[in-house]
Amino acid sequence: MPKTLTTVRHLDRASQKRSDKDFIAAAQKSPEARYMILVDEAPAIVSNAERTEAAIRWFKYADIETFDFVREFPIFLGLDDNAAPYFALNINEHRSRIMPGGPFVLKPWVDLRTLAVQGAMQVEELSLIGQAKSIAAWQLTARCCGHCGGTTNIRDGGWRRKCWSCGQQHFPRMDPAVIMLVTHGDKCILAHEERFPDMMYSTLAGFVEPGEDFEDAVRREVKEEVGVDIGPVSYIASQPWPFPHSLMIGCLGEALTTDLTLDPQEIADAQWFTRTEMQQVLDGKHPDGITAPMQYSIAHKLMRHFIAMK
């Protein structure tokens, strides 16, 4: 089985095709079909000898037959520029151990967070893994109907589930969260949480609650976490964050007050940083050894955006 380092740059999600049962059935068995295999939501990959470059390891339908995965329910990811269909299959590690050839046929599989931190994989492929991981995680938690408790059946290429008993339809969830860089003139707030790696500081973040807009969520979360009042809020960018279902809404919030009162349940430390200090953090040259989030993260992009504003 070849292990070529082939990168998929773009897929058309072709959402209009998901409900076409005949299309999905034919696409799954197509000689042009390619499958991403995830083991406990971690994709099988291939890399160069130096492990400085990595890519998704794509399998053909013939491989799926050999692995005895034809009874699994693949997630339809979309079509490439040549209209070849792409799918993802999520299996657990136990399933990989009893497949013909054992887990060594699929190894290595690497979790998405590690791949993003390593920086060896193209952003487009990280996005595809994120898409597959998010749907796979939702599939595992939506097997039973939240309305009547009945079993739900997979529909629309993995993008919908329908209860066999009451007919309730279930769709993949997306949890909106705000992530914000608090600014005051030439300074901004960076914070450290206990769950972060040592000396890594990042922006503040929190989930949007029912009945809130993004601006109100920014003001509430900042007040709760560091005790700062926020005035104007501006939207900068967004980023899907499939750990497992978040959509990060990146914002800048202008501080009206500067005294910090930390919530010890959320924040271990928070400080005001000048643009010069922020640049040192991003360059890995801060005198206290403070570091920034990985470059693919929206927190990193917000920090870069603030520096570029001067």
Protein backbone atom coordinates (compact mmCIF):
# COMPACT_ATOMS: atom_id res chain seq x y z
CA MET A 1 0.00 0.00 0.00
CA PRO A 2 1.70 3.27 -1.05
CA LYS A 3 2.46 5.93 1.54
CA THR A 4 2.93 8.95 -0.67
CA LEU A 5 2.99 12.45 0.76
CA THR A 6 0.02 13.78 -1.21
CA THR A 7 -1.62 16.94 0.08
CA VAL A 8 -5.27 17.72 -0.59
CA ARG A 9 -5.59 21.46 -1.03
CA HIS A 10 -9.32 21.95 -1.42
CA LEU A 11 -12.58 20.03 -1.25
CA ASP A 12 -16.01 21.23 -2.30
CA ARG A 13 -18.20 20.06 0.58
CA ALA A 14 -21.02 19.44 -1.95
CA SER A 15 -23.64 19.61 0.80
CA GLN A 16 -26.42 19.32 -1.80
CA LYS A 17 -25.23 15.75 -2.51
CA ARG A 18 -25.43 14.50 1.09
CA SER A 19 -29.12 13.57 0.94
CA ASP A 20 -28.73 11.74 -2.39
CA LYS A 21 -28.58 8.13 -1.22
CA ASP A 22 -27.71 6.75 -4.64
CA PHE A 23 -24.88 9.25 -5.10
CA ILE A 24 -23.40 8.53 -1.66
CA ALA A 25 -23.65 4.75 -2.16
CA ALA A 26 -21.94 4.92 -5.55
CA ALA A 27 -19.33 7.41 -4.36
CA GLN A 28 -18.29 5.19 -1.45
CA LYS A 29 -17.35 2.36 -3.83
CA SER A 30 -15.86 4.53 -6.54
CA PRO A 31 -12.28 3.68 -7.61
CA GLU A 32 -11.55 7.40 -7.25
CA ALA A 33 -12.88 7.56 -3.68
CA ARG A 34 -10.39 8.33 -0.92
CA TYR A 35 -10.80 7.64 2.77
CA MET A 36 -9.29 9.28 5.82
CA ILE A 37 -9.15 6.77 8.67
CA LEU A 38 -9.29 8.07 12.21
CA VAL A 39 -8.52 5.89 15.20
CA ASP A 40 -10.29 7.36 18.21
CA GLU A 41 -10.56 10.59 16.19
CA ALA A 42 -6.82 10.68 15.40
CA PRO A 43 -6.00 10.42 11.66
CA ALA A 44 -3.58 7.99 10.09
CA ILE A 45 -0.82 10.07 8.51
CA VAL A 46 2.33 9.78 6.47
CA SER A 47 5.47 11.89 6.86
CA ASN A 48 8.91 12.32 5.36
CA ALA A 49 11.95 10.67 6.94
CA GLU A 50 12.84 13.81 8.87
CA ARG A 51 9.22 14.21 10.07
CA THR A 52 9.28 17.85 9.05
CA GLU A 53 6.39 17.33 6.60
CA ALA A 54 3.23 15.35 7.16
CA ALA A 55 0.01 14.68 5.27
CA ILE A 56 -3.19 12.71 5.67
CA ARG A 57 -2.77 9.12 4.56
CA TRP A 58 -5.58 8.51 2.09
CA PHE A 59 -6.92 5.00 1.49
CA LYS A 60 -8.91 3.55 -1.42
CA TYR A 61 -12.17 1.63 -1.18
CA ALA A 62 -10.24 -1.58 -1.90
CA ASP A 63 -8.27 -0.91 1.29
CA ILE A 64 -11.50 -0.44 3.22
CA GLU A 65 -12.68 -3.83 1.99
CA THR A 66 -9.38 -5.42 3.00
CA PHE A 67 -9.66 -3.90 6.47
CA ASP A 68 -13.26 -5.18 6.72
CA PHE A 69 -14.54 -1.63 7.27
CA VAL A 70 -17.30 -1.79 4.65
CA ARG A 71 -19.97 -2.02 7.36
CA GLU A 72 -18.81 1.19 8.98
CA PHE A 73 -20.58 4.48 8.23
CA PRO A 74 -18.26 6.91 6.45
CA ILE A 75 -18.55 10.68 6.70
CA PHE A 76 -18.81 12.39 3.34
CA LEU A 77 -16.22 15.19 3.27
CA GLY A 78 -16.72 16.46 -0.27
CA LEU A 79 -15.37 16.39 -3.81
CA ASP A 80 -11.96 17.42 -5.12
CA ASP A 81 -11.38 19.46 -8.29
CA ASN A 82 -11.76 16.27 -10.36
CA ALA A 83 -15.06 15.36 -8.66
CA ALA A 84 -13.44 12.47 -6.77
CA PRO A 85 -15.30 11.81 -3.50
CA TYR A 86 -13.58 11.94 -0.12
CA PHE A 87 -14.75 10.28 3.09
CA ALA A 88 -13.66 9.78 6.68
CA LEU A 89 -14.05 6.68 8.84
CA ASN A 90 -13.68 6.82 12.61
CA ILE A 91 -12.93 3.56 14.42
CA ASN A 92 -11.81 2.86 17.97
CA GLU A 93 -8.42 1.40 18.82
CA HIS A 94 -9.96 -1.95 19.71
CA ARG A 95 -11.45 -2.15 16.22
CA SER A 96 -8.01 -1.42 14.74
CA ARG A 97 -6.47 -4.25 16.74
CA ILE A 98 -8.83 -6.92 15.43
CA MET A 99 -8.69 -5.82 11.80
CA PRO A 100 -6.67 -7.96 9.35
CA GLY A 101 -3.04 -7.03 9.81
CA GLY A 102 -3.61 -5.36 13.15
CA PRO A 103 -2.99 -1.72 14.05
CA PHE A 104 0.45 -1.66 12.41
CA VAL A 105 -1.23 -1.30 9.01
CA LEU A 106 -2.67 2.06 10.05
CA LYS A 107 0.09 3.47 12.24
CA PRO A 108 1.06 6.14 12.84
CA TRP A 109 -2.11 7.93 13.82
CA VAL A 110 -1.64 11.29 15.50
CA ASP A 111 -4.17 13.52 17.25
CA LEU A 112 -5.09 16.83 15.64
CA ARG A 113 -3.75 19.06 18.42
CA THR A 114 -0.31 17.47 18.16
CA LEU A 115 -0.30 17.84 14.38
CA ALA A 116 -1.19 21.53 14.67
CA VAL A 117 1.50 22.18 17.29
CA GLN A 118 4.17 20.38 15.24
CA GLY A 119 3.50 22.64 12.26
CA ALA A 120 4.45 19.93 9.73
CA MET A 121 1.06 19.68 8.02
CA GLN A 122 -0.60 22.08 5.58
CA VAL A 123 -3.42 24.20 7.01
CA GLU A 124 -5.86 22.82 4.42
CA GLU A 125 -5.31 19.27 5.64
CA LEU A 126 -5.58 20.29 9.29
CA SER A 127 -8.94 21.80 8.37
CA LEU A 128 -10.10 18.55 6.76
CA ILE A 129 -9.09 16.61 9.86
CA GLY A 130 -10.94 19.13 11.99
CA GLN A 131 -14.06 18.66 9.87
CA ALA A 132 -13.87 14.87 10.16
CA LYS A 133 -13.03 14.90 13.87
CA SER A 134 -15.89 17.21 14.76
CA ILE A 135 -18.50 15.12 12.91
CA ALA A 136 -17.04 11.89 14.28
CA ALA A 137 -17.20 13.22 17.84
CA TRP A 138 -20.80 14.30 17.35
CA GLN A 139 -21.70 10.89 15.92
CA LEU A 140 -20.48 9.20 19.11
CA THR A 141 -22.67 11.37 21.35
CA ALA A 142 -25.81 11.39 19.20
CA ARG A 143 -26.56 7.69 19.01
CA CYS A 144 -29.65 8.08 21.18
CA CYS A 145 -32.45 10.58 20.71
CA GLY A 146 -32.51 13.39 23.25
CA HIS A 147 -36.30 13.61 22.84
CA CYS A 148 -37.45 10.02 23.40
CA GLY A 149 -34.26 8.02 24.02
CA GLY A 150 -34.65 5.91 20.89
CA THR A 151 -31.79 4.88 18.63
CA THR A 152 -30.87 7.34 15.90
CA ASN A 153 -29.89 6.25 12.40
CA ILE A 154 -27.25 7.94 10.24
CA ARG A 155 -28.43 9.93 7.25
CA ASP A 156 -27.00 12.39 4.70
CA GLY A 157 -23.49 10.97 4.49
CA GLY A 158 -23.03 11.23 8.25
CA TRP A 159 -24.30 14.82 8.59
CA ARG A 160 -27.74 14.00 10.06
CA ARG A 161 -29.23 11.41 12.39
CA LYS A 162 -32.90 10.52 12.61
CA CYS A 163 -34.63 8.77 15.49
CA TRP A 164 -36.26 5.52 14.36
CA SER A 165 -38.94 5.90 17.07
CA CYS A 166 -40.19 9.50 17.14
CA GLY A 167 -38.65 10.80 13.92
CA GLN A 168 -36.72 13.59 15.64
CA GLN A 169 -33.86 14.85 13.49
CA HIS A 170 -30.43 15.61 14.95
CA PHE A 171 -27.67 17.68 13.36
CA PRO A 172 -24.01 18.30 14.20
CA ARG A 173 -23.59 20.78 17.02
CA MET A 174 -21.46 23.91 16.95
CA ASP A 175 -20.66 25.79 20.14
CA PRO A 176 -19.91 29.50 19.57
CA ALA A 177 -17.16 30.93 21.76
CA VAL A 178 -15.61 34.38 21.89
CA ILE A 179 -11.86 34.80 22.04
CA MET A 180 -10.72 38.33 22.65
CA LEU A 181 -7.64 40.44 22.99
CA VAL A 182 -8.31 43.20 25.52
CA THR A 183 -6.53 46.41 24.56
CA HIS A 184 -5.91 49.79 26.18
CA GLY A 185 -3.86 52.14 24.04
CA ASP A 186 -0.46 50.55 23.48
CA LYS A 187 -1.11 47.64 25.86
CA CYS A 188 -3.10 44.42 25.88
CA ILE A 189 -3.91 41.67 28.35
CA LEU A 190 -2.47 38.17 28.10
CA ALA A 191 -3.36 35.49 30.62
CA HIS A 192 -2.08 32.12 31.78
CA GLU A 193 -4.38 29.27 32.75
CA GLU A 194 -3.30 26.23 34.77
CA ARG A 195 -4.07 23.94 31.84
CA PHE A 196 -1.66 25.83 29.57
CA PRO A 197 1.95 24.73 29.09
CA ASP A 198 4.36 26.42 31.50
CA MET A 199 4.91 30.11 30.69
CA MET A 200 2.47 30.16 27.78
CA TYR A 201 0.18 33.19 27.84
CA SER A 202 -2.81 33.72 25.58
CA THR A 203 -5.90 35.83 25.02
CA LEU A 204 -9.07 35.48 27.08
CA ALA A 205 -11.92 33.29 25.86
CA GLY A 206 -15.29 31.91 26.85
CA PHE A 207 -18.50 30.41 25.51
CA VAL A 208 -21.42 32.49 24.29
CA GLU A 209 -24.45 31.93 26.50
CA PRO A 210 -28.07 31.68 25.29
CA GLY A 211 -29.56 35.10 24.64
CA GLU A 212 -26.17 36.81 24.22
CA ASP A 213 -24.62 38.42 21.20
CA PHE A 214 -20.86 38.24 20.69
CA GLU A 215 -20.25 41.73 22.06
CA ASP A 216 -22.08 41.05 25.32
CA ALA A 217 -20.27 37.71 25.68
CA VAL A 218 -16.91 39.48 25.33
CA ARG A 219 -17.83 42.03 28.00
CA ARG A 220 -19.18 39.42 30.40
CA GLU A 221 -16.27 36.99 30.06
CA VAL A 222 -13.61 39.69 30.46
CA LYS A 223 -15.35 41.09 33.54
CA GLU A 224 -15.67 37.63 35.07
CA GLU A 225 -12.11 36.52 34.35
CA VAL A 226 -9.99 39.63 34.96
CA GLY A 227 -12.41 42.25 36.33
CA VAL A 228 -11.95 44.75 33.49
CA ASP A 229 -14.84 46.73 32.01
CA ILE A 230 -15.04 46.65 28.20
CA GLY A 231 -16.43 49.34 25.89
CA PRO A 232 -16.37 48.96 22.08
CA VAL A 233 -15.91 45.44 20.72
CA SER A 234 -14.75 44.80 17.15
CA TYR A 235 -14.83 41.55 15.20
CA ILE A 236 -11.53 40.45 13.62
CA ALA A 237 -11.80 36.84 12.39
CA SER A 238 -13.21 33.41 13.21
CA GLN A 239 -11.81 29.90 13.39
CA PRO A 240 -13.41 26.47 13.80
CA TRP A 241 -11.90 24.75 16.81
CA PRO A 242 -12.85 21.06 16.74
CA PHE A 243 -12.06 20.19 20.37
CA PRO A 244 -14.65 19.03 19.81
CA HIS A 245 -17.26 21.48 18.44
CA SER A 246 -16.29 25.11 18.99
CA LEU A 247 -16.42 28.04 16.61
CA MET A 248 -14.07 30.75 17.87
CA ILE A 249 -15.19 34.34 17.23
CA GLY A 250 -12.06 36.49 17.39
CA CYS A 251 -12.53 40.05 18.71
CA LEU A 252 -10.75 43.07 20.10
CA GLY A 253 -12.23 44.63 23.22
CA GLU A 254 -11.31 48.15 24.30
CA ALA A 255 -10.79 48.34 28.06
CA LEU A 256 -12.48 51.12 30.04
CA THR A 257 -10.63 50.16 33.25
CA THR A 258 -7.15 48.72 33.80
CA ASP A 259 -7.08 47.18 37.31
CA LEU A 260 -6.94 43.39 37.17
CA THR A 261 -9.00 41.22 39.53
CA LEU A 262 -8.49 37.59 38.58
CA ASP A 263 -10.94 34.71 38.88
CA PRO A 264 -8.65 32.04 40.43
CA GLN A 265 -10.88 29.28 39.09
CA GLU A 266 -10.17 30.39 35.52
CA ILE A 267 -6.99 32.49 35.44
CA ALA A 268 -3.67 31.71 37.16
CA ASP A 269 -2.06 34.98 36.08
CA ALA A 270 -2.79 37.91 33.79
CA GLN A 271 -0.67 40.91 32.86
CA TRP A 272 -0.69 43.98 30.66
CA PHE A 273 1.85 43.73 27.82
CA THR A 274 3.11 46.55 25.62
CA ARG A 275 3.41 46.01 21.87
CA THR A 276 7.18 45.67 22.30
CA GLU A 277 6.71 42.99 24.95
CA MET A 278 4.10 41.28 22.77
CA GLN A 279 6.58 41.12 19.90
CA GLN A 280 9.11 39.53 22.25
CA VAL A 281 6.54 36.93 23.27
CA LEU A 282 5.74 36.07 19.64
CA ASP A 283 9.44 35.91 18.75
CA GLY A 284 10.21 33.66 21.72
CA LYS A 285 12.54 36.28 23.16
CA HIS A 286 10.64 37.55 26.18
CA PRO A 287 13.06 38.03 29.13
CA ASP A 288 10.78 36.02 31.44
CA GLY A 289 10.48 33.13 28.96
CA ILE A 290 6.80 33.80 28.21
CA THR A 291 5.60 32.14 24.99
CA ALA A 292 2.59 32.49 22.69
CA PRO A 293 0.00 29.98 21.39
CA MET A 294 0.78 28.05 18.23
CA GLN A 295 0.83 30.08 15.04
CA TYR A 296 -2.26 28.37 13.57
CA SER A 297 -4.42 29.47 16.50
CA ILE A 298 -6.72 32.48 16.31
CA ALA A 299 -5.18 33.76 19.57
CA HIS A 300 -1.84 34.02 17.78
CA LYS A 301 -3.51 35.85 14.89
CA LEU A 302 -5.15 38.34 17.25
CA MET A 303 -1.79 39.06 18.83
CA ARG A 304 -0.21 39.63 15.40
CA HIS A 305 -3.12 41.84 14.43
CA PHE A 306 -2.62 44.05 17.49
CA ILE A 307 1.07 44.54 16.73
CA ALA A 308 0.27 45.48 13.13
CA MET A 309 -2.20 48.15 14.28
CA LYS A 310 0.49 50.60 15.46
